[in-house]
Amino acid sequence: MKKIASVITLILLLVLTACGATPEGEAINIEPEAAVESTSEQPEENTAVESEPETASSQDTEEERTQAPEISLMDSEGQVVNLSDYKGKIVFVNFFTTWCTYCEQEMPEFQQASEDYEGEVVFLLVDVFTSEREDKQYVIDWYKKYGYTMPMIIDEEGAAVSQYPVRAFPTTYVVDQEGGVLGYLEGAMNRDMIDSIIDQMR
């Protein structure tokens, strides 16, 4: 398994959106500010503030990374999906809700990338049901409506978010081929960001 030879640069982003304040989060690689929606539902004025970049320590290898906690949940077809099933592949674990505008905007980017990197990269969608405004069937119908082929699991009781802090939507954790957590991003990702991360992990 190839290891990352380059240093990963992290940017801290702070964004206020119409859905409320969002705490600081780490973004993998230098990229323009990412859009996020808070788990709070109280409206506030739209504002965006970007802080100074920080640099991760050198020698960022798989051995030094925290192992990703296991996720084992039912998918939209009633089948159990385990994060560990994807060991050997790069995994983008994306926490979303159906009401999040920014989540909806980034999904086509994930879908196209999942097709282009088939067999090498997995985009695992995790619906944070405890923050949903609709029932489970609505979530399943929403997923099918857009014809997504990425695996989608529903975190009905908060088992996944209890291990992966999610303070804003969308939030994406990146897990390397050995099951180590590379980092996470609070905010919508675009194709350039996705490609850049994958290139560094090859």
N, C-alpha and C. Protein backbone atom coordinates (compact mmCIF):
# COMPACT_ATOMS: atom_id res chain seq x y z
N MET A 1 0.84 -1.20 0.00
CA MET A 1 0.00 0.00 0.00
C MET A 1 0.88 1.25 0.00
N LYS A 2 0.54 2.14 -0.91
CA LYS A 2 1.34 3.35 -1.00
C LYS A 2 1.06 4.27 0.17
N LYS A 3 2.10 4.97 0.62
CA LYS A 3 1.95 5.92 1.71
C LYS A 3 2.07 7.34 1.16
N ILE A 4 1.51 8.27 1.87
CA ILE A 4 1.61 9.67 1.46
C ILE A 4 2.99 10.18 1.79
N ALA A 5 3.68 10.71 0.77
CA ALA A 5 5.03 11.20 0.98
C ALA A 5 5.03 12.69 1.25
N SER A 6 3.97 13.36 0.83
CA SER A 6 3.92 14.82 0.99
C SER A 6 3.24 15.21 2.28
N VAL A 7 3.52 16.45 2.73
CA VAL A 7 2.88 16.99 3.93
C VAL A 7 1.49 17.47 3.56
N ILE A 8 0.50 17.14 4.38
CA ILE A 8 -0.88 17.57 4.15
C ILE A 8 -1.10 18.91 4.85
N THR A 9 -1.53 19.90 4.08
CA THR A 9 -1.81 21.22 4.63
C THR A 9 -3.28 21.33 4.99
N LEU A 10 -3.52 21.84 6.20
CA LEU A 10 -4.89 21.95 6.68
C LEU A 10 -5.28 23.40 6.84
N ILE A 11 -6.52 23.74 6.45
CA ILE A 11 -7.06 25.09 6.65
C ILE A 11 -8.20 25.01 7.64
N LEU A 12 -8.23 25.96 8.57
CA LEU A 12 -9.36 26.04 9.48
C LEU A 12 -10.36 27.04 8.91
N LEU A 13 -11.61 26.59 8.82
CA LEU A 13 -12.66 27.44 8.27
C LEU A 13 -13.72 27.70 9.32
N LEU A 14 -14.20 28.96 9.38
CA LEU A 14 -15.33 29.28 10.24
C LEU A 14 -16.39 29.93 9.37
N VAL A 15 -17.59 29.35 9.33
CA VAL A 15 -18.63 29.86 8.45
C VAL A 15 -19.94 30.02 9.21
N LEU A 16 -20.61 31.13 9.00
CA LEU A 16 -21.96 31.32 9.51
C LEU A 16 -22.90 31.26 8.31
N THR A 17 -23.95 30.45 8.41
CA THR A 17 -24.89 30.33 7.31
C THR A 17 -26.29 30.65 7.79
N ALA A 18 -27.24 30.55 6.87
CA ALA A 18 -28.62 30.86 7.21
C ALA A 18 -29.19 29.90 8.24
N CYS A 19 -28.54 28.74 8.41
CA CYS A 19 -29.04 27.76 9.38
C CYS A 19 -28.39 27.91 10.74
N GLY A 20 -27.50 28.88 10.92
CA GLY A 20 -26.90 29.10 12.23
C GLY A 20 -25.39 29.02 12.19
N ALA A 21 -24.77 29.24 13.36
CA ALA A 21 -23.31 29.28 13.45
C ALA A 21 -22.73 27.88 13.36
N THR A 22 -21.58 27.78 12.70
CA THR A 22 -20.86 26.52 12.55
C THR A 22 -19.50 26.64 13.20
N PRO A 23 -19.10 25.70 14.07
CA PRO A 23 -17.80 25.77 14.71
C PRO A 23 -16.67 25.56 13.72
N GLU A 24 -15.43 25.72 14.21
CA GLU A 24 -14.28 25.53 13.36
C GLU A 24 -14.16 24.07 12.95
N GLY A 25 -13.64 23.86 11.73
CA GLY A 25 -13.42 22.50 11.25
C GLY A 25 -12.15 22.46 10.43
N GLU A 26 -11.61 21.27 10.21
CA GLU A 26 -10.39 21.12 9.44
C GLU A 26 -10.73 20.78 8.01
N ALA A 27 -10.07 21.46 7.06
CA ALA A 27 -10.27 21.15 5.66
C ALA A 27 -8.98 20.59 5.10
N ILE A 28 -9.07 19.49 4.39
CA ILE A 28 -7.88 18.87 3.85
C ILE A 28 -7.47 19.60 2.58
N ASN A 29 -6.23 20.08 2.56
CA ASN A 29 -5.67 20.82 1.43
C ASN A 29 -6.19 22.26 1.37
N ILE A 30 -5.42 23.10 0.69
CA ILE A 30 -5.79 24.50 0.53
C ILE A 30 -6.83 24.61 -0.57
N GLU A 31 -7.92 25.21 -0.25
CA GLU A 31 -9.02 25.33 -1.20
C GLU A 31 -9.87 26.51 -0.77
N PRO A 32 -10.62 27.16 -1.70
CA PRO A 32 -11.52 28.24 -1.29
C PRO A 32 -12.48 27.77 -0.22
N GLU A 33 -13.03 28.72 0.55
CA GLU A 33 -13.90 28.40 1.66
C GLU A 33 -15.02 27.48 1.24
N ALA A 34 -15.36 26.54 2.11
CA ALA A 34 -16.39 25.56 1.81
C ALA A 34 -17.69 25.95 2.50
N ALA A 35 -18.81 25.63 1.85
CA ALA A 35 -20.12 25.97 2.40
C ALA A 35 -20.58 24.90 3.36
N VAL A 36 -21.16 25.30 4.46
CA VAL A 36 -21.67 24.36 5.44
C VAL A 36 -23.04 24.78 5.92
N GLU A 37 -23.80 23.83 6.44
CA GLU A 37 -25.06 24.13 7.11
C GLU A 37 -24.98 23.55 8.50
N SER A 38 -25.31 24.36 9.49
CA SER A 38 -25.21 23.92 10.87
C SER A 38 -26.31 22.95 11.23
N THR A 39 -26.05 22.17 12.27
CA THR A 39 -27.09 21.29 12.79
C THR A 39 -28.16 22.09 13.50
N SER A 40 -27.84 23.34 13.85
CA SER A 40 -28.83 24.23 14.45
C SER A 40 -29.82 24.68 13.39
N GLU A 41 -31.06 24.97 13.79
CA GLU A 41 -32.08 25.37 12.83
C GLU A 41 -32.49 26.83 13.01
N GLN A 42 -31.80 27.60 13.85
CA GLN A 42 -32.14 28.99 14.06
C GLN A 42 -31.45 29.86 13.00
N PRO A 43 -32.20 30.70 12.25
CA PRO A 43 -31.61 31.51 11.19
C PRO A 43 -30.72 32.61 11.73
N GLU A 44 -29.63 32.86 11.00
CA GLU A 44 -28.75 33.99 11.27
C GLU A 44 -28.29 34.56 9.95
N GLU A 45 -27.66 35.72 10.01
CA GLU A 45 -27.17 36.40 8.82
C GLU A 45 -26.05 35.61 8.18
N ASN A 46 -25.99 35.59 6.83
CA ASN A 46 -24.94 34.89 6.12
C ASN A 46 -23.62 35.64 6.25
N THR A 47 -22.61 34.96 6.75
CA THR A 47 -21.28 35.56 6.90
C THR A 47 -20.26 34.46 6.71
N ALA A 48 -19.10 34.78 6.16
CA ALA A 48 -18.05 33.76 6.01
C ALA A 48 -16.72 34.35 6.42
N VAL A 49 -15.98 33.64 7.25
CA VAL A 49 -14.68 34.09 7.70
C VAL A 49 -13.70 32.95 7.53
N GLU A 50 -12.55 33.21 6.92
CA GLU A 50 -11.53 32.17 6.76
C GLU A 50 -10.32 32.52 7.59
N SER A 51 -9.84 31.59 8.38
CA SER A 51 -8.69 31.83 9.23
C SER A 51 -7.40 31.49 8.50
N GLU A 52 -6.26 31.74 9.17
CA GLU A 52 -4.97 31.45 8.58
C GLU A 52 -4.73 29.96 8.49
N PRO A 53 -4.05 29.49 7.43
CA PRO A 53 -3.80 28.06 7.29
C PRO A 53 -2.83 27.53 8.33
N GLU A 54 -3.02 26.25 8.69
CA GLU A 54 -2.10 25.58 9.56
C GLU A 54 -1.51 24.40 8.82
N THR A 55 -0.31 24.00 9.18
CA THR A 55 0.35 22.91 8.50
C THR A 55 0.44 21.70 9.41
N ALA A 56 0.07 20.54 8.90
CA ALA A 56 0.14 19.32 9.68
C ALA A 56 1.60 18.93 9.86
N SER A 57 1.86 18.12 10.89
CA SER A 57 3.22 17.68 11.13
C SER A 57 3.72 16.83 9.98
N SER A 58 5.01 16.83 9.75
CA SER A 58 5.60 16.03 8.71
C SER A 58 5.58 14.57 9.13
N GLN A 59 5.95 13.68 8.19
CA GLN A 59 5.93 12.24 8.46
C GLN A 59 4.51 11.79 8.82
N ASP A 60 3.53 12.31 8.07
CA ASP A 60 2.14 11.94 8.33
C ASP A 60 1.86 10.60 7.67
N THR A 61 2.19 9.52 8.33
CA THR A 61 2.05 8.19 7.77
C THR A 61 0.87 7.46 8.35
N GLU A 62 0.54 6.30 7.74
CA GLU A 62 -0.59 5.52 8.22
C GLU A 62 -0.41 5.11 9.68
N GLU A 63 0.85 4.80 10.08
CA GLU A 63 1.09 4.34 11.43
C GLU A 63 0.74 5.39 12.48
N GLU A 64 0.85 6.66 12.13
CA GLU A 64 0.62 7.73 13.08
C GLU A 64 -0.86 8.14 13.14
N ARG A 65 -1.65 7.69 12.21
CA ARG A 65 -3.04 8.11 12.16
C ARG A 65 -3.92 7.30 13.08
N THR A 66 -4.95 7.95 13.59
CA THR A 66 -5.95 7.27 14.40
C THR A 66 -6.76 6.33 13.51
N GLN A 67 -6.97 5.12 13.96
CA GLN A 67 -7.78 4.18 13.19
C GLN A 67 -9.24 4.62 13.22
N ALA A 68 -9.86 4.56 12.07
CA ALA A 68 -11.26 4.98 11.95
C ALA A 68 -12.16 4.03 12.74
N PRO A 69 -13.01 4.54 13.61
CA PRO A 69 -13.96 3.68 14.32
C PRO A 69 -14.86 2.94 13.32
N GLU A 70 -15.21 1.73 13.65
CA GLU A 70 -16.08 0.95 12.77
C GLU A 70 -17.46 1.57 12.67
N ILE A 71 -18.02 1.53 11.47
CA ILE A 71 -19.41 1.91 11.23
C ILE A 71 -20.09 0.67 10.67
N SER A 72 -21.20 0.28 11.27
CA SER A 72 -21.94 -0.89 10.81
C SER A 72 -23.43 -0.57 10.88
N LEU A 73 -24.02 -0.23 9.73
CA LEU A 73 -25.41 0.21 9.68
C LEU A 73 -26.11 -0.37 8.46
N MET A 74 -27.43 -0.33 8.48
CA MET A 74 -28.23 -0.81 7.36
C MET A 74 -28.24 0.22 6.23
N ASP A 75 -28.19 -0.29 4.99
CA ASP A 75 -28.31 0.60 3.85
C ASP A 75 -29.78 0.72 3.44
N SER A 76 -30.02 1.39 2.32
CA SER A 76 -31.39 1.64 1.88
C SER A 76 -32.12 0.37 1.45
N GLU A 77 -31.37 -0.71 1.25
CA GLU A 77 -31.96 -1.99 0.85
C GLU A 77 -32.07 -2.97 2.01
N GLY A 78 -31.71 -2.51 3.21
CA GLY A 78 -31.80 -3.37 4.38
C GLY A 78 -30.60 -4.28 4.59
N GLN A 79 -29.51 -4.02 3.86
CA GLN A 79 -28.28 -4.80 4.00
C GLN A 79 -27.30 -4.08 4.93
N VAL A 80 -26.58 -4.86 5.73
CA VAL A 80 -25.60 -4.27 6.64
C VAL A 80 -24.35 -3.85 5.86
N VAL A 81 -23.92 -2.62 6.08
CA VAL A 81 -22.70 -2.10 5.47
C VAL A 81 -21.71 -1.79 6.57
N ASN A 82 -20.49 -2.30 6.44
CA ASN A 82 -19.42 -2.05 7.41
C ASN A 82 -18.33 -1.21 6.76
N LEU A 83 -17.86 -0.20 7.48
CA LEU A 83 -16.76 0.60 6.96
C LEU A 83 -15.54 -0.28 6.69
N SER A 84 -15.29 -1.25 7.55
CA SER A 84 -14.12 -2.12 7.40
C SER A 84 -14.16 -2.96 6.14
N ASP A 85 -15.34 -3.09 5.53
CA ASP A 85 -15.45 -3.84 4.28
C ASP A 85 -14.64 -3.19 3.17
N TYR A 86 -14.35 -1.91 3.34
CA TYR A 86 -13.67 -1.16 2.28
C TYR A 86 -12.18 -0.97 2.53
N LYS A 87 -11.63 -1.72 3.47
CA LYS A 87 -10.20 -1.61 3.74
C LYS A 87 -9.42 -1.95 2.47
N GLY A 88 -8.38 -1.18 2.20
CA GLY A 88 -7.64 -1.32 0.96
C GLY A 88 -8.03 -0.26 -0.06
N LYS A 89 -9.09 0.50 0.26
CA LYS A 89 -9.56 1.56 -0.62
C LYS A 89 -9.58 2.89 0.15
N ILE A 90 -9.54 3.97 -0.57
CA ILE A 90 -9.73 5.29 0.02
C ILE A 90 -11.22 5.47 0.22
N VAL A 91 -11.63 5.91 1.41
CA VAL A 91 -13.06 6.06 1.70
C VAL A 91 -13.35 7.50 2.14
N PHE A 92 -14.30 8.12 1.46
CA PHE A 92 -14.84 9.41 1.87
C PHE A 92 -16.15 9.11 2.61
N VAL A 93 -16.15 9.32 3.93
CA VAL A 93 -17.35 9.06 4.73
C VAL A 93 -18.08 10.39 4.88
N ASN A 94 -19.18 10.52 4.16
CA ASN A 94 -19.89 11.80 4.07
C ASN A 94 -21.16 11.79 4.92
N PHE A 95 -21.21 12.67 5.92
CA PHE A 95 -22.39 12.79 6.78
C PHE A 95 -23.27 13.91 6.23
N PHE A 96 -24.54 13.59 5.99
CA PHE A 96 -25.43 14.55 5.33
C PHE A 96 -26.84 14.45 5.87
N THR A 97 -27.67 15.42 5.46
CA THR A 97 -29.11 15.35 5.68
C THR A 97 -29.80 15.75 4.38
N THR A 98 -31.03 15.33 4.20
CA THR A 98 -31.73 15.63 2.95
C THR A 98 -32.12 17.10 2.84
N TRP A 99 -32.21 17.81 3.98
CA TRP A 99 -32.62 19.21 3.93
C TRP A 99 -31.44 20.17 3.71
N CYS A 100 -30.23 19.64 3.73
CA CYS A 100 -29.03 20.47 3.59
C CYS A 100 -28.76 20.79 2.12
N THR A 101 -28.85 22.06 1.78
CA THR A 101 -28.63 22.51 0.40
C THR A 101 -27.23 22.18 -0.09
N TYR A 102 -26.24 22.41 0.76
CA TYR A 102 -24.85 22.18 0.36
C TYR A 102 -24.56 20.69 0.18
N CYS A 103 -25.23 19.86 0.97
CA CYS A 103 -25.10 18.41 0.80
C CYS A 103 -25.59 18.01 -0.59
N GLU A 104 -26.73 18.54 -0.95
CA GLU A 104 -27.32 18.22 -2.25
C GLU A 104 -26.43 18.69 -3.39
N GLN A 105 -25.77 19.83 -3.19
CA GLN A 105 -24.93 20.38 -4.24
C GLN A 105 -23.68 19.54 -4.50
N GLU A 106 -23.12 18.94 -3.45
CA GLU A 106 -21.88 18.19 -3.63
C GLU A 106 -22.10 16.74 -4.05
N MET A 107 -23.31 16.22 -3.89
CA MET A 107 -23.58 14.82 -4.21
C MET A 107 -23.22 14.45 -5.66
N PRO A 108 -23.59 15.27 -6.67
CA PRO A 108 -23.21 14.90 -8.04
C PRO A 108 -21.69 14.82 -8.23
N GLU A 109 -20.93 15.63 -7.50
CA GLU A 109 -19.47 15.57 -7.57
C GLU A 109 -18.98 14.22 -7.04
N PHE A 110 -19.56 13.79 -5.92
CA PHE A 110 -19.21 12.49 -5.35
C PHE A 110 -19.59 11.35 -6.31
N GLN A 111 -20.79 11.44 -6.88
CA GLN A 111 -21.26 10.37 -7.76
C GLN A 111 -20.34 10.21 -8.97
N GLN A 112 -19.98 11.33 -9.59
CA GLN A 112 -19.11 11.25 -10.76
C GLN A 112 -17.73 10.72 -10.38
N ALA A 113 -17.21 11.17 -9.25
CA ALA A 113 -15.90 10.70 -8.80
C ALA A 113 -15.94 9.22 -8.47
N SER A 114 -17.05 8.76 -7.89
CA SER A 114 -17.16 7.34 -7.55
C SER A 114 -17.13 6.48 -8.79
N GLU A 115 -17.66 6.99 -9.88
CA GLU A 115 -17.63 6.26 -11.15
C GLU A 115 -16.23 6.30 -11.76
N ASP A 116 -15.59 7.46 -11.68
CA ASP A 116 -14.27 7.61 -12.28
C ASP A 116 -13.19 6.84 -11.51
N TYR A 117 -13.36 6.70 -10.19
CA TYR A 117 -12.38 6.00 -9.36
C TYR A 117 -12.91 4.65 -8.87
N GLU A 118 -13.81 4.07 -9.64
CA GLU A 118 -14.41 2.80 -9.25
C GLU A 118 -13.35 1.74 -8.98
N GLY A 119 -13.49 1.06 -7.84
CA GLY A 119 -12.53 0.02 -7.47
C GLY A 119 -11.38 0.53 -6.63
N GLU A 120 -11.22 1.85 -6.59
CA GLU A 120 -10.12 2.45 -5.84
C GLU A 120 -10.60 3.33 -4.70
N VAL A 121 -11.73 4.01 -4.91
CA VAL A 121 -12.26 4.97 -3.95
C VAL A 121 -13.73 4.69 -3.71
N VAL A 122 -14.14 4.79 -2.44
CA VAL A 122 -15.55 4.59 -2.08
C VAL A 122 -16.08 5.86 -1.41
N PHE A 123 -17.26 6.27 -1.80
CA PHE A 123 -17.94 7.39 -1.15
C PHE A 123 -19.10 6.79 -0.36
N LEU A 124 -18.94 6.75 0.96
CA LEU A 124 -19.94 6.16 1.84
C LEU A 124 -20.81 7.28 2.41
N LEU A 125 -22.06 7.31 2.02
CA LEU A 125 -22.99 8.35 2.47
C LEU A 125 -23.67 7.91 3.75
N VAL A 126 -23.63 8.77 4.77
CA VAL A 126 -24.25 8.46 6.06
C VAL A 126 -25.31 9.52 6.35
N ASP A 127 -26.57 9.14 6.27
CA ASP A 127 -27.65 10.06 6.60
C ASP A 127 -27.76 10.18 8.12
N VAL A 128 -27.64 11.42 8.61
CA VAL A 128 -27.74 11.66 10.05
C VAL A 128 -29.22 11.80 10.38
N PHE A 129 -29.85 10.66 10.61
CA PHE A 129 -31.31 10.62 10.77
C PHE A 129 -31.79 11.39 11.99
N THR A 130 -30.96 11.47 13.02
CA THR A 130 -31.35 12.19 14.23
C THR A 130 -31.50 13.69 13.98
N SER A 131 -30.99 14.16 12.82
CA SER A 131 -31.14 15.58 12.46
C SER A 131 -32.09 15.77 11.29
N GLU A 132 -32.71 14.68 10.84
CA GLU A 132 -33.63 14.78 9.71
C GLU A 132 -34.96 15.43 10.11
N ARG A 133 -35.64 15.96 9.12
CA ARG A 133 -36.96 16.56 9.33
C ARG A 133 -38.07 15.71 8.73
N GLU A 134 -37.68 14.59 8.10
CA GLU A 134 -38.64 13.70 7.47
C GLU A 134 -38.47 12.28 8.00
N ASP A 135 -39.31 11.35 7.54
CA ASP A 135 -39.19 9.98 8.01
C ASP A 135 -38.17 9.19 7.18
N LYS A 136 -37.94 7.96 7.60
CA LYS A 136 -36.92 7.12 6.96
C LYS A 136 -37.23 6.86 5.49
N GLN A 137 -38.49 6.61 5.18
CA GLN A 137 -38.84 6.33 3.79
C GLN A 137 -38.55 7.53 2.89
N TYR A 138 -38.75 8.73 3.42
CA TYR A 138 -38.44 9.94 2.65
C TYR A 138 -36.96 9.97 2.29
N VAL A 139 -36.11 9.62 3.26
CA VAL A 139 -34.66 9.61 3.02
C VAL A 139 -34.32 8.61 1.91
N ILE A 140 -34.91 7.43 1.98
CA ILE A 140 -34.64 6.40 0.97
C ILE A 140 -35.13 6.86 -0.41
N ASP A 141 -36.32 7.45 -0.46
CA ASP A 141 -36.87 7.93 -1.72
C ASP A 141 -36.02 9.06 -2.29
N TRP A 142 -35.53 9.93 -1.42
CA TRP A 142 -34.66 11.04 -1.85
C TRP A 142 -33.40 10.50 -2.51
N TYR A 143 -32.82 9.49 -1.90
CA TYR A 143 -31.60 8.88 -2.43
C TYR A 143 -31.87 8.22 -3.79
N LYS A 144 -32.95 7.51 -3.90
CA LYS A 144 -33.27 6.82 -5.16
C LYS A 144 -33.68 7.79 -6.26
N LYS A 145 -34.29 8.89 -5.87
CA LYS A 145 -34.77 9.87 -6.85
C LYS A 145 -33.64 10.38 -7.74
N TYR A 146 -32.46 10.56 -7.15
CA TYR A 146 -31.34 11.09 -7.92
C TYR A 146 -30.51 10.00 -8.59
N GLY A 147 -30.87 8.75 -8.37
CA GLY A 147 -30.17 7.67 -9.04
C GLY A 147 -28.74 7.44 -8.58
N TYR A 148 -28.45 7.77 -7.32
CA TYR A 148 -27.09 7.57 -6.81
C TYR A 148 -26.79 6.08 -6.66
N THR A 149 -25.55 5.72 -6.96
CA THR A 149 -25.12 4.33 -6.81
C THR A 149 -24.12 4.16 -5.67
N MET A 150 -23.76 5.25 -5.02
CA MET A 150 -22.87 5.18 -3.87
C MET A 150 -23.60 4.51 -2.71
N PRO A 151 -22.90 3.73 -1.86
CA PRO A 151 -23.58 3.13 -0.71
C PRO A 151 -24.10 4.21 0.23
N MET A 152 -25.35 4.06 0.68
CA MET A 152 -25.95 5.03 1.59
C MET A 152 -26.53 4.29 2.79
N ILE A 153 -26.09 4.67 3.98
CA ILE A 153 -26.59 4.06 5.19
C ILE A 153 -27.28 5.13 6.04
N ILE A 154 -28.20 4.69 6.89
CA ILE A 154 -29.00 5.62 7.70
C ILE A 154 -28.65 5.44 9.17
N ASP A 155 -28.15 6.49 9.78
CA ASP A 155 -27.75 6.45 11.18
C ASP A 155 -28.96 6.83 12.03
N GLU A 156 -29.85 5.87 12.23
CA GLU A 156 -31.13 6.15 12.89
C GLU A 156 -30.99 6.53 14.36
N GLU A 157 -30.03 5.94 15.06
CA GLU A 157 -29.92 6.16 16.50
C GLU A 157 -28.66 6.93 16.90
N GLY A 158 -27.96 7.47 15.93
CA GLY A 158 -26.78 8.27 16.24
C GLY A 158 -25.54 7.47 16.57
N ALA A 159 -25.50 6.20 16.17
CA ALA A 159 -24.34 5.35 16.48
C ALA A 159 -23.07 5.86 15.80
N ALA A 160 -23.19 6.29 14.54
CA ALA A 160 -22.02 6.76 13.79
C ALA A 160 -21.56 8.13 14.27
N VAL A 161 -22.51 9.05 14.45
CA VAL A 161 -22.12 10.41 14.84
C VAL A 161 -21.61 10.46 16.28
N SER A 162 -21.86 9.42 17.05
CA SER A 162 -21.30 9.38 18.40
C SER A 162 -19.80 9.12 18.36
N GLN A 163 -19.31 8.59 17.25
CA GLN A 163 -17.88 8.30 17.09
C GLN A 163 -17.18 9.27 16.14
N TYR A 164 -17.96 9.87 15.25
CA TYR A 164 -17.44 10.85 14.30
C TYR A 164 -18.18 12.16 14.54
N PRO A 165 -17.58 13.09 15.28
CA PRO A 165 -18.27 14.35 15.59
C PRO A 165 -18.74 15.07 14.33
N VAL A 166 -20.01 15.42 14.29
CA VAL A 166 -20.60 16.15 13.17
C VAL A 166 -21.29 17.37 13.72
N ARG A 167 -20.70 18.54 13.45
CA ARG A 167 -21.24 19.78 13.99
C ARG A 167 -21.89 20.64 12.92
N ALA A 168 -21.73 20.23 11.66
CA ALA A 168 -22.31 20.98 10.55
C ALA A 168 -22.47 20.04 9.37
N PHE A 169 -23.34 20.40 8.47
CA PHE A 169 -23.57 19.59 7.28
C PHE A 169 -23.17 20.34 6.02
N PRO A 170 -22.51 19.68 5.08
CA PRO A 170 -22.03 18.30 5.20
C PRO A 170 -20.69 18.24 5.95
N THR A 171 -20.37 17.08 6.48
CA THR A 171 -19.06 16.81 7.06
C THR A 171 -18.53 15.53 6.44
N THR A 172 -17.29 15.57 5.94
CA THR A 172 -16.71 14.40 5.28
C THR A 172 -15.40 14.02 5.94
N TYR A 173 -15.31 12.77 6.38
CA TYR A 173 -14.07 12.20 6.90
C TYR A 173 -13.40 11.40 5.79
N VAL A 174 -12.07 11.50 5.71
CA VAL A 174 -11.32 10.75 4.71
C VAL A 174 -10.52 9.66 5.42
N VAL A 175 -10.75 8.42 5.00
CA VAL A 175 -10.09 7.26 5.60
C VAL A 175 -9.16 6.64 4.57
N ASP A 176 -7.91 6.39 4.98
CA ASP A 176 -6.94 5.86 4.03
C ASP A 176 -7.08 4.35 3.82
N GLN A 177 -6.20 3.81 2.98
CA GLN A 177 -6.31 2.40 2.59
C GLN A 177 -6.09 1.44 3.75
N GLU A 178 -5.42 1.89 4.80
CA GLU A 178 -5.16 1.05 5.96
C GLU A 178 -6.15 1.28 7.09
N GLY A 179 -7.16 2.10 6.83
CA GLY A 179 -8.18 2.35 7.84
C GLY A 179 -7.87 3.49 8.78
N GLY A 180 -6.88 4.31 8.46
CA GLY A 180 -6.53 5.46 9.30
C GLY A 180 -7.26 6.71 8.86
N VAL A 181 -7.62 7.55 9.82
CA VAL A 181 -8.32 8.80 9.51
C VAL A 181 -7.30 9.86 9.08
N LEU A 182 -7.38 10.27 7.81
CA LEU A 182 -6.49 11.30 7.30
C LEU A 182 -6.89 12.68 7.81
N GLY A 183 -8.18 12.94 7.88
CA GLY A 183 -8.67 14.24 8.32
C GLY A 183 -10.15 14.37 7.99
N TYR A 184 -10.70 15.56 8.19
CA TYR A 184 -12.10 15.77 7.87
C TYR A 184 -12.33 17.19 7.39
N LEU A 185 -13.44 17.38 6.74
CA LEU A 185 -13.81 18.69 6.20
C LEU A 185 -15.25 19.00 6.55
N GLU A 186 -15.47 20.15 7.13
CA GLU A 186 -16.83 20.64 7.34
C GLU A 186 -17.14 21.58 6.19
N GLY A 187 -18.02 21.17 5.31
CA GLY A 187 -18.36 22.01 4.18
C GLY A 187 -18.41 21.21 2.90
N ALA A 188 -19.03 21.79 1.88
CA ALA A 188 -19.20 21.12 0.60
C ALA A 188 -17.86 20.98 -0.12
N MET A 189 -17.65 19.84 -0.76
CA MET A 189 -16.43 19.59 -1.52
C MET A 189 -16.74 19.69 -3.01
N ASN A 190 -15.72 20.12 -3.78
CA ASN A 190 -15.87 20.11 -5.22
C ASN A 190 -14.91 19.09 -5.83
N ARG A 191 -14.97 18.91 -7.14
CA ARG A 191 -14.19 17.85 -7.78
C ARG A 191 -12.69 18.09 -7.65
N ASP A 192 -12.25 19.33 -7.74
CA ASP A 192 -10.82 19.62 -7.60
C ASP A 192 -10.30 19.19 -6.25
N MET A 193 -11.07 19.43 -5.20
CA MET A 193 -10.67 19.02 -3.85
C MET A 193 -10.59 17.51 -3.74
N ILE A 194 -11.61 16.85 -4.28
CA ILE A 194 -11.64 15.39 -4.24
C ILE A 194 -10.43 14.80 -4.95
N ASP A 195 -10.17 15.28 -6.16
CA ASP A 195 -9.04 14.76 -6.95
C ASP A 195 -7.71 15.00 -6.25
N SER A 196 -7.56 16.18 -5.65
CA SER A 196 -6.31 16.52 -4.98
C SER A 196 -6.03 15.59 -3.81
N ILE A 197 -7.06 15.30 -3.02
CA ILE A 197 -6.90 14.39 -1.89
C ILE A 197 -6.51 13.00 -2.35
N ILE A 198 -7.23 12.51 -3.36
CA ILE A 198 -6.96 11.17 -3.86
C ILE A 198 -5.55 11.07 -4.44
N ASP A 199 -5.12 12.09 -5.17
CA ASP A 199 -3.77 12.08 -5.76
C ASP A 199 -2.70 11.95 -4.70
N GLN A 200 -2.90 12.62 -3.57
CA GLN A 200 -1.90 12.57 -2.50
C GLN A 200 -1.88 11.24 -1.75
N MET A 201 -2.98 10.50 -1.87
CA MET A 201 -3.09 9.23 -1.13
C MET A 201 -2.69 8.02 -1.97
N ARG A 202 -2.41 8.23 -3.24
CA ARG A 202 -2.01 7.13 -4.11
C ARG A 202 -0.57 6.72 -3.88
